[in-house]
Amino acid sequence: MRRIHATSDGVYGSPKIWQVLRQQGERCGKHRIARLMREEGLRGIPARKPWKGRKSGDCPAGITNQLARDFTAPGPNAKWVTDITYIPTQEGWLYLAVVLDLFS
């Protein structure tokens, strides 16, 4: 059990370790593997769930498209656009927000 957990770089949890042991011909139960892993302090890394954001064409209710893809501005301060992005770092998330005057 420890060997399988180590060879998976600590990713495999009890269900996957149980499956590998069964494929190797070992007879054991899922709950027994889970209990033994808890006693040994072994934990798997859960898979990330896909992010379900909104589609880019969808607008919240009451919000209208003011630019209608016309990115030319007649003068300064006539049209402003913004964007925000999230940058993962070792310390946590960084948020980069940009504000742009379309005239420049």
N, C-alpha and C. Protein backbone atom coordinates (compact mmCIF):
# COMPACT_ATOMS: atom_id res chain seq x y z
N MET A 1 0.82 -1.18 0.00
CA MET A 1 0.00 0.00 0.00
C MET A 1 0.87 1.25 0.00
N ARG A 2 1.90 1.29 0.88
CA ARG A 2 2.80 2.45 0.92
C ARG A 2 3.57 2.59 -0.39
N ARG A 3 3.97 1.45 -0.97
CA ARG A 3 4.73 1.48 -2.22
C ARG A 3 3.88 2.05 -3.35
N ILE A 4 2.63 1.62 -3.45
CA ILE A 4 1.74 2.13 -4.50
C ILE A 4 1.50 3.62 -4.32
N HIS A 5 1.29 4.03 -3.08
CA HIS A 5 1.07 5.45 -2.79
C HIS A 5 2.31 6.26 -3.17
N ALA A 6 3.50 5.74 -2.86
CA ALA A 6 4.74 6.46 -3.17
C ALA A 6 4.99 6.52 -4.67
N THR A 7 4.73 5.42 -5.38
CA THR A 7 4.98 5.43 -6.83
C THR A 7 4.00 6.34 -7.57
N SER A 8 2.87 6.65 -6.97
CA SER A 8 1.92 7.58 -7.59
C SER A 8 2.21 9.02 -7.17
N ASP A 9 3.34 9.25 -6.51
CA ASP A 9 3.72 10.58 -5.99
C ASP A 9 2.67 11.12 -5.02
N GLY A 10 2.04 10.22 -4.28
CA GLY A 10 1.07 10.62 -3.28
C GLY A 10 -0.29 11.01 -3.84
N VAL A 11 -0.53 10.73 -5.11
CA VAL A 11 -1.78 11.12 -5.74
C VAL A 11 -2.90 10.13 -5.44
N TYR A 12 -2.60 8.84 -5.48
CA TYR A 12 -3.63 7.81 -5.32
C TYR A 12 -4.22 7.82 -3.91
N GLY A 13 -5.53 7.76 -3.85
CA GLY A 13 -6.24 7.60 -2.60
C GLY A 13 -6.65 6.15 -2.42
N SER A 14 -7.48 5.89 -1.42
CA SER A 14 -7.84 4.50 -1.12
C SER A 14 -8.58 3.79 -2.25
N PRO A 15 -9.49 4.44 -3.00
CA PRO A 15 -10.16 3.69 -4.07
C PRO A 15 -9.19 3.22 -5.16
N LYS A 16 -8.26 4.08 -5.54
CA LYS A 16 -7.32 3.71 -6.60
C LYS A 16 -6.32 2.68 -6.09
N ILE A 17 -5.85 2.82 -4.86
CA ILE A 17 -4.92 1.83 -4.30
C ILE A 17 -5.62 0.48 -4.19
N TRP A 18 -6.88 0.48 -3.77
CA TRP A 18 -7.65 -0.76 -3.70
C TRP A 18 -7.75 -1.40 -5.09
N GLN A 19 -7.99 -0.58 -6.11
CA GLN A 19 -8.10 -1.09 -7.47
C GLN A 19 -6.78 -1.70 -7.94
N VAL A 20 -5.66 -1.04 -7.66
CA VAL A 20 -4.34 -1.56 -8.06
C VAL A 20 -4.05 -2.86 -7.33
N LEU A 21 -4.34 -2.93 -6.04
CA LEU A 21 -4.11 -4.16 -5.28
C LEU A 21 -4.96 -5.31 -5.83
N ARG A 22 -6.20 -5.03 -6.20
CA ARG A 22 -7.06 -6.07 -6.78
C ARG A 22 -6.48 -6.57 -8.11
N GLN A 23 -5.93 -5.64 -8.92
CA GLN A 23 -5.33 -6.04 -10.19
C GLN A 23 -4.09 -6.89 -9.97
N GLN A 24 -3.42 -6.68 -8.84
CA GLN A 24 -2.23 -7.47 -8.52
C GLN A 24 -2.59 -8.81 -7.87
N GLY A 25 -3.88 -9.06 -7.68
CA GLY A 25 -4.31 -10.33 -7.13
C GLY A 25 -4.48 -10.34 -5.62
N GLU A 26 -4.34 -9.20 -4.98
CA GLU A 26 -4.52 -9.13 -3.52
C GLU A 26 -6.01 -9.10 -3.20
N ARG A 27 -6.38 -9.78 -2.13
CA ARG A 27 -7.77 -9.77 -1.68
C ARG A 27 -7.87 -8.84 -0.48
N CYS A 28 -8.62 -7.76 -0.66
CA CYS A 28 -8.80 -6.80 0.43
C CYS A 28 -10.06 -5.98 0.13
N GLY A 29 -10.55 -5.32 1.15
CA GLY A 29 -11.75 -4.50 1.00
C GLY A 29 -11.41 -3.03 0.89
N LYS A 30 -12.31 -2.27 0.28
CA LYS A 30 -12.11 -0.83 0.12
C LYS A 30 -11.98 -0.14 1.48
N HIS A 31 -12.87 -0.52 2.39
CA HIS A 31 -12.88 0.15 3.69
C HIS A 31 -11.63 -0.19 4.51
N ARG A 32 -11.12 -1.39 4.33
CA ARG A 32 -9.90 -1.77 5.04
C ARG A 32 -8.72 -0.92 4.55
N ILE A 33 -8.63 -0.74 3.23
CA ILE A 33 -7.56 0.09 2.67
C ILE A 33 -7.70 1.52 3.17
N ALA A 34 -8.92 2.04 3.19
CA ALA A 34 -9.15 3.40 3.68
C ALA A 34 -8.73 3.53 5.14
N ARG A 35 -9.09 2.54 5.96
CA ARG A 35 -8.73 2.58 7.38
C ARG A 35 -7.22 2.51 7.57
N LEU A 36 -6.56 1.59 6.85
CA LEU A 36 -5.11 1.46 6.97
C LEU A 36 -4.39 2.73 6.50
N MET A 37 -4.90 3.34 5.44
CA MET A 37 -4.29 4.59 4.97
C MET A 37 -4.44 5.69 6.01
N ARG A 38 -5.61 5.77 6.64
CA ARG A 38 -5.81 6.76 7.70
C ARG A 38 -4.84 6.53 8.84
N GLU A 39 -4.69 5.27 9.25
CA GLU A 39 -3.78 4.94 10.36
C GLU A 39 -2.34 5.29 10.02
N GLU A 40 -1.95 5.14 8.75
CA GLU A 40 -0.59 5.44 8.32
C GLU A 40 -0.40 6.91 7.97
N GLY A 41 -1.48 7.67 7.95
CA GLY A 41 -1.39 9.09 7.61
C GLY A 41 -1.21 9.33 6.12
N LEU A 42 -1.64 8.38 5.30
CA LEU A 42 -1.52 8.53 3.84
C LEU A 42 -2.82 9.12 3.30
N ARG A 43 -2.68 10.13 2.45
CA ARG A 43 -3.84 10.76 1.84
C ARG A 43 -3.57 10.97 0.36
N GLY A 44 -4.59 10.78 -0.44
CA GLY A 44 -4.47 11.05 -1.87
C GLY A 44 -4.76 12.51 -2.16
N ILE A 45 -4.48 12.91 -3.38
CA ILE A 45 -4.77 14.27 -3.81
C ILE A 45 -6.02 14.21 -4.68
N PRO A 46 -7.09 14.90 -4.28
CA PRO A 46 -8.32 14.83 -5.07
C PRO A 46 -8.15 15.47 -6.45
N ALA A 47 -8.87 14.94 -7.43
CA ALA A 47 -8.83 15.50 -8.78
C ALA A 47 -9.55 16.84 -8.78
N ARG A 48 -9.06 17.76 -9.58
CA ARG A 48 -9.71 19.06 -9.67
C ARG A 48 -10.96 18.94 -10.52
N LYS A 49 -11.99 19.61 -10.08
CA LYS A 49 -13.22 19.63 -10.86
C LYS A 49 -13.11 20.75 -11.88
N PRO A 50 -13.61 20.51 -13.09
CA PRO A 50 -13.50 21.56 -14.11
C PRO A 50 -14.31 22.79 -13.73
N TRP A 51 -13.76 23.95 -14.04
CA TRP A 51 -14.43 25.21 -13.75
C TRP A 51 -15.54 25.42 -14.76
N LYS A 52 -16.72 25.70 -14.27
CA LYS A 52 -17.86 25.91 -15.16
C LYS A 52 -18.24 27.38 -15.15
N GLY A 53 -17.50 28.15 -15.90
CA GLY A 53 -17.80 29.58 -16.01
C GLY A 53 -18.87 29.81 -17.06
N ARG A 54 -19.27 31.04 -17.19
CA ARG A 54 -20.28 31.34 -18.18
C ARG A 54 -19.65 31.41 -19.56
N LYS A 55 -20.45 31.24 -20.58
CA LYS A 55 -19.96 31.35 -21.95
C LYS A 55 -19.71 32.82 -22.25
N SER A 56 -18.72 33.10 -23.09
CA SER A 56 -18.33 34.49 -23.34
C SER A 56 -19.45 35.30 -23.98
N GLY A 57 -20.36 34.67 -24.69
CA GLY A 57 -21.45 35.40 -25.33
C GLY A 57 -22.60 35.71 -24.40
N ASP A 58 -22.64 35.08 -23.24
CA ASP A 58 -23.75 35.28 -22.31
C ASP A 58 -23.53 36.54 -21.49
N CYS A 59 -24.55 37.35 -21.37
CA CYS A 59 -24.50 38.55 -20.53
C CYS A 59 -25.52 38.40 -19.41
N PRO A 60 -25.19 38.88 -18.22
CA PRO A 60 -26.18 38.85 -17.15
C PRO A 60 -27.41 39.68 -17.52
N ALA A 61 -28.53 39.39 -16.90
CA ALA A 61 -29.78 40.11 -17.19
C ALA A 61 -29.61 41.59 -16.90
N GLY A 62 -30.11 42.43 -17.80
CA GLY A 62 -30.06 43.87 -17.61
C GLY A 62 -28.77 44.51 -18.11
N ILE A 63 -27.81 43.73 -18.57
CA ILE A 63 -26.55 44.27 -19.07
C ILE A 63 -26.60 44.24 -20.60
N THR A 64 -26.31 45.36 -21.23
CA THR A 64 -26.32 45.42 -22.69
C THR A 64 -24.91 45.63 -23.21
N ASN A 65 -24.69 45.23 -24.44
CA ASN A 65 -23.39 45.39 -25.09
C ASN A 65 -23.31 46.82 -25.64
N GLN A 66 -22.64 47.70 -24.94
CA GLN A 66 -22.57 49.10 -25.32
C GLN A 66 -21.66 49.34 -26.53
N LEU A 67 -20.60 48.56 -26.67
CA LEU A 67 -19.63 48.79 -27.75
C LEU A 67 -20.07 48.17 -29.07
N ALA A 68 -20.76 47.05 -29.03
CA ALA A 68 -21.16 46.32 -30.23
C ALA A 68 -19.97 46.11 -31.15
N ARG A 69 -18.83 45.75 -30.58
CA ARG A 69 -17.56 45.46 -31.27
C ARG A 69 -17.01 46.65 -32.04
N ASP A 70 -17.42 47.86 -31.72
CA ASP A 70 -16.85 49.07 -32.31
C ASP A 70 -15.82 49.62 -31.33
N PHE A 71 -14.55 49.29 -31.57
CA PHE A 71 -13.49 49.65 -30.64
C PHE A 71 -12.77 50.94 -31.03
N THR A 72 -13.39 51.76 -31.86
CA THR A 72 -12.81 53.06 -32.18
C THR A 72 -13.50 54.11 -31.32
N ALA A 73 -12.72 55.05 -30.82
CA ALA A 73 -13.27 56.09 -29.95
C ALA A 73 -13.06 57.45 -30.62
N PRO A 74 -14.06 58.34 -30.58
CA PRO A 74 -13.94 59.65 -31.21
C PRO A 74 -12.96 60.58 -30.48
N GLY A 75 -12.73 60.34 -29.21
CA GLY A 75 -11.82 61.18 -28.44
C GLY A 75 -11.49 60.52 -27.12
N PRO A 76 -10.62 61.17 -26.35
CA PRO A 76 -10.25 60.59 -25.05
C PRO A 76 -11.46 60.53 -24.10
N ASN A 77 -11.44 59.53 -23.25
CA ASN A 77 -12.46 59.31 -22.22
C ASN A 77 -13.85 59.03 -22.78
N ALA A 78 -13.94 58.63 -24.06
CA ALA A 78 -15.24 58.31 -24.63
C ALA A 78 -15.59 56.84 -24.39
N LYS A 79 -14.60 55.95 -24.56
CA LYS A 79 -14.83 54.52 -24.37
C LYS A 79 -13.69 53.92 -23.56
N TRP A 80 -14.07 53.26 -22.48
CA TRP A 80 -13.09 52.58 -21.63
C TRP A 80 -13.44 51.09 -21.61
N VAL A 81 -12.42 50.25 -21.57
CA VAL A 81 -12.63 48.81 -21.43
C VAL A 81 -11.77 48.30 -20.28
N THR A 82 -12.20 47.18 -19.70
CA THR A 82 -11.46 46.59 -18.58
C THR A 82 -11.35 45.09 -18.76
N ASP A 83 -10.41 44.52 -18.05
CA ASP A 83 -10.28 43.07 -18.01
C ASP A 83 -9.58 42.71 -16.71
N ILE A 84 -9.82 41.51 -16.24
CA ILE A 84 -9.15 41.02 -15.03
C ILE A 84 -8.70 39.59 -15.30
N THR A 85 -7.54 39.24 -14.80
CA THR A 85 -7.05 37.88 -14.93
C THR A 85 -6.47 37.45 -13.60
N TYR A 86 -6.46 36.15 -13.37
CA TYR A 86 -5.98 35.58 -12.13
C TYR A 86 -4.68 34.84 -12.43
N ILE A 87 -3.65 35.11 -11.66
CA ILE A 87 -2.34 34.50 -11.87
C ILE A 87 -1.99 33.67 -10.63
N PRO A 88 -1.86 32.34 -10.78
CA PRO A 88 -1.50 31.53 -9.61
C PRO A 88 -0.02 31.67 -9.28
N THR A 89 0.29 31.86 -8.01
CA THR A 89 1.67 31.92 -7.54
C THR A 89 1.80 30.98 -6.34
N GLN A 90 3.02 30.82 -5.85
CA GLN A 90 3.23 29.96 -4.68
C GLN A 90 2.59 30.55 -3.43
N GLU A 91 2.48 31.87 -3.36
CA GLU A 91 1.87 32.51 -2.19
C GLU A 91 0.35 32.58 -2.28
N GLY A 92 -0.22 32.31 -3.44
CA GLY A 92 -1.66 32.42 -3.63
C GLY A 92 -1.95 33.05 -4.98
N TRP A 93 -3.15 33.56 -5.14
CA TRP A 93 -3.56 34.15 -6.41
C TRP A 93 -3.20 35.63 -6.45
N LEU A 94 -2.73 36.07 -7.62
CA LEU A 94 -2.56 37.50 -7.90
C LEU A 94 -3.64 37.89 -8.89
N TYR A 95 -4.16 39.09 -8.73
CA TYR A 95 -5.22 39.58 -9.60
C TYR A 95 -4.67 40.75 -10.41
N LEU A 96 -4.69 40.62 -11.73
CA LEU A 96 -4.22 41.68 -12.60
C LEU A 96 -5.43 42.32 -13.26
N ALA A 97 -5.67 43.58 -12.95
CA ALA A 97 -6.80 44.30 -13.52
C ALA A 97 -6.25 45.39 -14.44
N VAL A 98 -6.82 45.50 -15.64
CA VAL A 98 -6.37 46.47 -16.63
C VAL A 98 -7.54 47.35 -17.02
N VAL A 99 -7.29 48.65 -17.09
CA VAL A 99 -8.28 49.62 -17.58
C VAL A 99 -7.63 50.33 -18.75
N LEU A 100 -8.33 50.39 -19.88
CA LEU A 100 -7.74 50.93 -21.11
C LEU A 100 -8.71 51.91 -21.76
N ASP A 101 -8.20 53.10 -22.11
CA ASP A 101 -8.97 54.06 -22.89
C ASP A 101 -8.81 53.69 -24.35
N LEU A 102 -9.89 53.42 -25.06
CA LEU A 102 -9.79 52.96 -26.44
C LEU A 102 -9.27 54.03 -27.40
N PHE A 103 -9.23 55.26 -27.00
CA PHE A 103 -8.69 56.31 -27.87
C PHE A 103 -7.18 56.21 -28.00
N SER A 104 -6.50 55.71 -26.96
CA SER A 104 -5.03 55.67 -26.99
C SER A 104 -4.48 54.47 -27.69
